[in-house]
Amino acid sequence: MKQGIHPEYRPVVFRDASAGSAFLTRSTRTSEKTVTWEDGREYPVIDVEVSSASHPFYTGTAKVLDTAGRVERFRRRYGSRSAAEGAGAADAPTSAASAEATAGGPR
């Protein structure tokens, strides 16, 4: 690695404001604010909006999305794929050679 071009990698406290939790990790982020950690040392502190302590996925409060409803809504909006394929099939050549090529060759 080239010397003098990389930011300092040091211990930093990330504090989740909404959950009231904090964790100590290493980062290159900087902050003017400091906090005294459980070991008695002072570390820079970065306040974050969301962490694993407050994110719905990790806390188990995530809402289940109705994916079947989304598919049906898409089909209603844009039509089914089979209708588009049916219109394209009328324009296709009907020779036996093209049918074999489309089907993946002779069986």
N, C-alpha and C. Protein backbone atom coordinates (compact mmCIF):
# COMPACT_ATOMS: atom_id res chain seq x y z
N MET A 1 0.83 -1.18 0.00
CA MET A 1 0.00 0.00 0.00
C MET A 1 0.87 1.25 0.00
N LYS A 2 0.39 2.27 -0.68
CA LYS A 2 1.10 3.54 -0.64
C LYS A 2 0.93 4.17 0.73
N GLN A 3 2.00 4.74 1.22
CA GLN A 3 1.95 5.39 2.53
C GLN A 3 1.41 6.81 2.39
N GLY A 4 0.63 7.25 3.36
CA GLY A 4 0.18 8.62 3.44
C GLY A 4 -1.05 8.99 2.63
N ILE A 5 -1.68 8.03 1.93
CA ILE A 5 -2.86 8.38 1.14
C ILE A 5 -4.15 7.78 1.70
N HIS A 6 -4.02 6.89 2.67
CA HIS A 6 -5.21 6.23 3.22
C HIS A 6 -5.64 6.90 4.51
N PRO A 7 -6.96 6.99 4.75
CA PRO A 7 -7.42 7.57 6.02
C PRO A 7 -7.10 6.65 7.19
N GLU A 8 -7.03 7.24 8.37
CA GLU A 8 -6.71 6.47 9.58
C GLU A 8 -7.88 5.53 9.91
N TYR A 9 -7.55 4.28 10.21
CA TYR A 9 -8.53 3.25 10.56
C TYR A 9 -8.43 3.03 12.05
N ARG A 10 -9.47 3.44 12.80
CA ARG A 10 -9.39 3.43 14.25
C ARG A 10 -10.73 3.05 14.87
N PRO A 11 -10.75 2.78 16.17
CA PRO A 11 -12.02 2.46 16.85
C PRO A 11 -12.96 3.67 16.86
N VAL A 12 -14.25 3.42 16.57
CA VAL A 12 -15.27 4.46 16.54
C VAL A 12 -16.55 3.87 17.15
N VAL A 13 -17.29 4.67 17.88
CA VAL A 13 -18.57 4.25 18.43
C VAL A 13 -19.68 4.73 17.51
N PHE A 14 -20.55 3.82 17.10
CA PHE A 14 -21.74 4.18 16.33
C PHE A 14 -22.93 4.09 17.29
N ARG A 15 -23.69 5.18 17.38
CA ARG A 15 -24.81 5.25 18.33
C ARG A 15 -26.10 5.41 17.55
N ASP A 16 -27.05 4.50 17.81
CA ASP A 16 -28.37 4.55 17.17
C ASP A 16 -29.27 5.42 18.03
N ALA A 17 -29.66 6.55 17.48
CA ALA A 17 -30.46 7.51 18.25
C ALA A 17 -31.86 6.98 18.55
N SER A 18 -32.45 6.23 17.62
CA SER A 18 -33.83 5.79 17.83
C SER A 18 -33.94 4.60 18.78
N ALA A 19 -32.92 3.75 18.87
CA ALA A 19 -32.99 2.58 19.74
C ALA A 19 -32.25 2.78 21.05
N GLY A 20 -31.41 3.80 21.11
CA GLY A 20 -30.66 4.05 22.34
C GLY A 20 -29.52 3.07 22.54
N SER A 21 -29.06 2.42 21.50
CA SER A 21 -27.96 1.47 21.62
C SER A 21 -26.73 2.02 20.92
N ALA A 22 -25.58 1.47 21.27
CA ALA A 22 -24.33 1.88 20.66
C ALA A 22 -23.43 0.66 20.53
N PHE A 23 -22.53 0.70 19.55
CA PHE A 23 -21.57 -0.39 19.41
C PHE A 23 -20.23 0.17 18.97
N LEU A 24 -19.18 -0.47 19.44
CA LEU A 24 -17.82 -0.06 19.14
C LEU A 24 -17.30 -0.93 18.01
N THR A 25 -16.78 -0.28 16.98
CA THR A 25 -16.20 -0.99 15.85
C THR A 25 -15.07 -0.14 15.29
N ARG A 26 -14.45 -0.61 14.24
CA ARG A 26 -13.37 0.16 13.61
C ARG A 26 -13.88 0.79 12.32
N SER A 27 -13.44 2.01 12.05
CA SER A 27 -13.90 2.73 10.87
C SER A 27 -12.92 3.83 10.50
N THR A 28 -13.09 4.35 9.30
CA THR A 28 -12.30 5.51 8.87
C THR A 28 -13.10 6.80 9.03
N ARG A 29 -14.36 6.71 9.45
CA ARG A 29 -15.20 7.90 9.66
C ARG A 29 -14.62 8.74 10.80
N THR A 30 -14.81 10.03 10.70
CA THR A 30 -14.33 10.94 11.73
C THR A 30 -15.49 11.71 12.34
N SER A 31 -15.30 12.20 13.54
CA SER A 31 -16.31 12.99 14.23
C SER A 31 -15.64 13.88 15.26
N GLU A 32 -16.21 15.06 15.45
CA GLU A 32 -15.71 15.97 16.48
C GLU A 32 -16.22 15.57 17.86
N LYS A 33 -17.40 14.91 17.89
CA LYS A 33 -17.98 14.48 19.17
C LYS A 33 -17.29 13.21 19.66
N THR A 34 -17.15 13.10 20.98
CA THR A 34 -16.56 11.90 21.58
C THR A 34 -17.48 11.40 22.68
N VAL A 35 -17.28 10.15 23.04
CA VAL A 35 -18.04 9.52 24.11
C VAL A 35 -17.10 8.60 24.88
N THR A 36 -17.33 8.50 26.19
CA THR A 36 -16.55 7.57 27.01
C THR A 36 -17.22 6.21 26.94
N TRP A 37 -16.48 5.22 26.50
CA TRP A 37 -17.02 3.86 26.32
C TRP A 37 -16.90 3.08 27.61
N GLU A 38 -17.41 1.88 27.63
CA GLU A 38 -17.44 1.03 28.82
C GLU A 38 -16.05 0.71 29.35
N ASP A 39 -15.04 0.75 28.51
CA ASP A 39 -13.67 0.45 28.96
C ASP A 39 -12.97 1.67 29.56
N GLY A 40 -13.66 2.83 29.61
CA GLY A 40 -13.10 4.04 30.20
C GLY A 40 -12.38 4.94 29.21
N ARG A 41 -12.20 4.51 27.99
CA ARG A 41 -11.52 5.32 26.98
C ARG A 41 -12.53 6.18 26.22
N GLU A 42 -12.02 7.27 25.64
CA GLU A 42 -12.87 8.14 24.82
C GLU A 42 -12.68 7.79 23.36
N TYR A 43 -13.80 7.69 22.64
CA TYR A 43 -13.79 7.37 21.22
C TYR A 43 -14.65 8.38 20.48
N PRO A 44 -14.36 8.62 19.20
CA PRO A 44 -15.27 9.45 18.40
C PRO A 44 -16.61 8.73 18.27
N VAL A 45 -17.71 9.48 18.25
CA VAL A 45 -19.03 8.87 18.16
C VAL A 45 -19.73 9.39 16.90
N ILE A 46 -20.35 8.46 16.16
CA ILE A 46 -21.12 8.78 14.97
C ILE A 46 -22.57 8.41 15.27
N ASP A 47 -23.48 9.38 15.18
CA ASP A 47 -24.90 9.11 15.39
C ASP A 47 -25.52 8.65 14.08
N VAL A 48 -26.23 7.52 14.12
CA VAL A 48 -26.88 6.96 12.93
C VAL A 48 -28.38 6.89 13.16
N GLU A 49 -29.14 6.93 12.08
CA GLU A 49 -30.60 6.86 12.16
C GLU A 49 -31.09 5.43 12.38
N VAL A 50 -30.47 4.48 11.68
CA VAL A 50 -30.94 3.09 11.72
C VAL A 50 -29.74 2.17 11.89
N SER A 51 -29.88 1.18 12.76
CA SER A 51 -28.87 0.14 12.93
C SER A 51 -29.60 -1.18 13.09
N SER A 52 -28.85 -2.23 13.36
CA SER A 52 -29.49 -3.53 13.55
C SER A 52 -30.39 -3.54 14.79
N ALA A 53 -30.19 -2.62 15.71
CA ALA A 53 -31.03 -2.55 16.91
C ALA A 53 -32.39 -1.94 16.63
N SER A 54 -32.54 -1.17 15.53
CA SER A 54 -33.82 -0.52 15.27
C SER A 54 -34.41 -0.86 13.91
N HIS A 55 -33.67 -1.55 13.04
CA HIS A 55 -34.18 -1.88 11.71
C HIS A 55 -35.25 -2.96 11.82
N PRO A 56 -36.40 -2.80 11.13
CA PRO A 56 -37.50 -3.77 11.24
C PRO A 56 -37.10 -5.19 10.86
N PHE A 57 -36.21 -5.37 9.92
CA PHE A 57 -35.81 -6.72 9.53
C PHE A 57 -35.13 -7.45 10.68
N TYR A 58 -34.24 -6.78 11.39
CA TYR A 58 -33.49 -7.41 12.46
C TYR A 58 -34.27 -7.50 13.76
N THR A 59 -35.23 -6.60 13.96
CA THR A 59 -36.00 -6.63 15.21
C THR A 59 -37.21 -7.56 15.12
N GLY A 60 -37.53 -8.04 13.92
CA GLY A 60 -38.65 -8.95 13.75
C GLY A 60 -39.99 -8.25 13.57
N THR A 61 -39.98 -6.96 13.34
CA THR A 61 -41.23 -6.23 13.15
C THR A 61 -41.48 -5.88 11.69
N ALA A 62 -40.79 -6.56 10.79
CA ALA A 62 -40.94 -6.27 9.36
C ALA A 62 -42.32 -6.70 8.89
N LYS A 63 -42.87 -5.93 7.96
CA LYS A 63 -44.17 -6.25 7.40
C LYS A 63 -43.98 -7.18 6.20
N VAL A 64 -44.83 -8.18 6.08
CA VAL A 64 -44.75 -9.10 4.96
C VAL A 64 -45.50 -8.49 3.79
N LEU A 65 -44.83 -8.40 2.64
CA LEU A 65 -45.45 -7.82 1.46
C LEU A 65 -46.28 -8.86 0.74
N ASP A 66 -47.37 -8.43 0.18
CA ASP A 66 -48.26 -9.31 -0.58
C ASP A 66 -47.73 -9.40 -2.00
N THR A 67 -46.81 -10.33 -2.26
CA THR A 67 -46.20 -10.41 -3.58
C THR A 67 -47.19 -10.94 -4.61
N ALA A 68 -48.09 -11.81 -4.22
CA ALA A 68 -49.08 -12.32 -5.17
C ALA A 68 -49.97 -11.18 -5.65
N GLY A 69 -50.32 -10.29 -4.77
CA GLY A 69 -51.12 -9.13 -5.15
C GLY A 69 -50.38 -8.23 -6.10
N ARG A 70 -49.08 -8.11 -5.93
CA ARG A 70 -48.28 -7.28 -6.83
C ARG A 70 -48.24 -7.88 -8.23
N VAL A 71 -48.12 -9.20 -8.30
CA VAL A 71 -48.09 -9.87 -9.61
C VAL A 71 -49.42 -9.68 -10.33
N GLU A 72 -50.50 -9.86 -9.61
CA GLU A 72 -51.83 -9.70 -10.21
C GLU A 72 -52.03 -8.25 -10.68
N ARG A 73 -51.59 -7.30 -9.89
CA ARG A 73 -51.73 -5.90 -10.27
C ARG A 73 -50.92 -5.61 -11.53
N PHE A 74 -49.72 -6.20 -11.62
CA PHE A 74 -48.89 -6.03 -12.82
C PHE A 74 -49.59 -6.62 -14.04
N ARG A 75 -50.15 -7.80 -13.90
CA ARG A 75 -50.84 -8.44 -15.03
C ARG A 75 -52.05 -7.64 -15.46
N ARG A 76 -52.79 -7.08 -14.50
CA ARG A 76 -53.95 -6.25 -14.86
C ARG A 76 -53.51 -5.00 -15.60
N ARG A 77 -52.43 -4.40 -15.16
CA ARG A 77 -51.96 -3.17 -15.78
C ARG A 77 -51.41 -3.38 -17.18
N TYR A 78 -50.60 -4.40 -17.35
CA TYR A 78 -49.87 -4.58 -18.60
C TYR A 78 -50.34 -5.77 -19.42
N GLY A 79 -51.34 -6.48 -18.96
CA GLY A 79 -51.86 -7.62 -19.70
C GLY A 79 -50.99 -8.84 -19.49
N SER A 80 -51.52 -9.97 -19.91
CA SER A 80 -50.76 -11.21 -19.72
C SER A 80 -49.80 -11.41 -20.88
N ARG A 81 -48.78 -12.13 -20.66
CA ARG A 81 -47.74 -12.38 -21.67
C ARG A 81 -48.28 -13.29 -22.78
N SER A 82 -49.20 -14.18 -22.48
CA SER A 82 -49.72 -15.12 -23.47
C SER A 82 -50.48 -14.40 -24.59
N ALA A 83 -51.13 -13.29 -24.29
CA ALA A 83 -51.85 -12.54 -25.33
C ALA A 83 -50.86 -11.94 -26.32
N ALA A 84 -49.72 -11.46 -25.84
CA ALA A 84 -48.70 -10.90 -26.72
C ALA A 84 -48.05 -11.99 -27.55
N GLU A 85 -47.84 -13.16 -26.95
CA GLU A 85 -47.24 -14.27 -27.69
C GLU A 85 -48.18 -14.78 -28.76
N GLY A 86 -49.47 -14.79 -28.49
CA GLY A 86 -50.45 -15.26 -29.47
C GLY A 86 -50.46 -14.38 -30.70
N ALA A 87 -50.32 -13.08 -30.53
CA ALA A 87 -50.30 -12.16 -31.67
C ALA A 87 -49.03 -12.35 -32.48
N GLY A 88 -47.92 -12.62 -31.82
CA GLY A 88 -46.66 -12.83 -32.51
C GLY A 88 -46.61 -14.15 -33.24
N ALA A 89 -47.35 -15.14 -32.78
CA ALA A 89 -47.34 -16.47 -33.40
C ALA A 89 -48.01 -16.44 -34.77
N ALA A 90 -48.96 -15.55 -35.00
CA ALA A 90 -49.64 -15.48 -36.29
C ALA A 90 -48.69 -14.97 -37.37
N ASP A 91 -47.71 -14.16 -36.99
CA ASP A 91 -46.77 -13.62 -37.94
C ASP A 91 -45.60 -14.56 -38.23
N ALA A 92 -45.43 -15.60 -37.43
CA ALA A 92 -44.28 -16.49 -37.56
C ALA A 92 -44.45 -17.44 -38.74
N PRO A 93 -43.34 -17.82 -39.43
CA PRO A 93 -43.42 -18.78 -40.52
C PRO A 93 -43.84 -20.15 -39.99
N THR A 94 -44.50 -20.92 -40.82
CA THR A 94 -45.04 -22.21 -40.37
C THR A 94 -44.30 -23.38 -40.98
N SER A 95 -43.10 -23.18 -41.49
CA SER A 95 -42.38 -24.30 -42.09
C SER A 95 -41.91 -25.26 -41.02
N ALA A 96 -41.68 -26.51 -41.39
CA ALA A 96 -41.25 -27.55 -40.46
C ALA A 96 -39.84 -27.26 -39.95
N ALA A 97 -38.98 -26.68 -40.78
CA ALA A 97 -37.62 -26.38 -40.38
C ALA A 97 -37.60 -25.32 -39.29
N SER A 98 -38.43 -24.29 -39.42
CA SER A 98 -38.44 -23.25 -38.39
C SER A 98 -39.06 -23.77 -37.11
N ALA A 99 -40.02 -24.69 -37.23
CA ALA A 99 -40.63 -25.27 -36.03
C ALA A 99 -39.62 -26.11 -35.27
N GLU A 100 -38.75 -26.87 -36.01
CA GLU A 100 -37.73 -27.66 -35.34
C GLU A 100 -36.70 -26.75 -34.69
N ALA A 101 -36.33 -25.66 -35.35
CA ALA A 101 -35.34 -24.73 -34.81
C ALA A 101 -35.88 -24.08 -33.54
N THR A 102 -37.14 -23.74 -33.54
CA THR A 102 -37.76 -23.12 -32.37
C THR A 102 -37.85 -24.12 -31.22
N ALA A 103 -38.16 -25.36 -31.51
CA ALA A 103 -38.34 -26.37 -30.48
C ALA A 103 -37.02 -26.92 -29.98
N GLY A 104 -35.90 -26.54 -30.57
CA GLY A 104 -34.63 -27.03 -30.11
C GLY A 104 -34.09 -28.17 -30.94
N GLY A 105 -34.58 -28.35 -32.13
CA GLY A 105 -34.07 -29.39 -32.99
C GLY A 105 -35.01 -30.56 -33.08
N PRO A 106 -34.70 -31.58 -33.91
CA PRO A 106 -35.57 -32.75 -34.03
C PRO A 106 -35.56 -33.58 -32.77
N ARG A 107 -36.68 -34.22 -32.50
CA ARG A 107 -36.77 -35.03 -31.28
C ARG A 107 -36.66 -36.48 -31.58
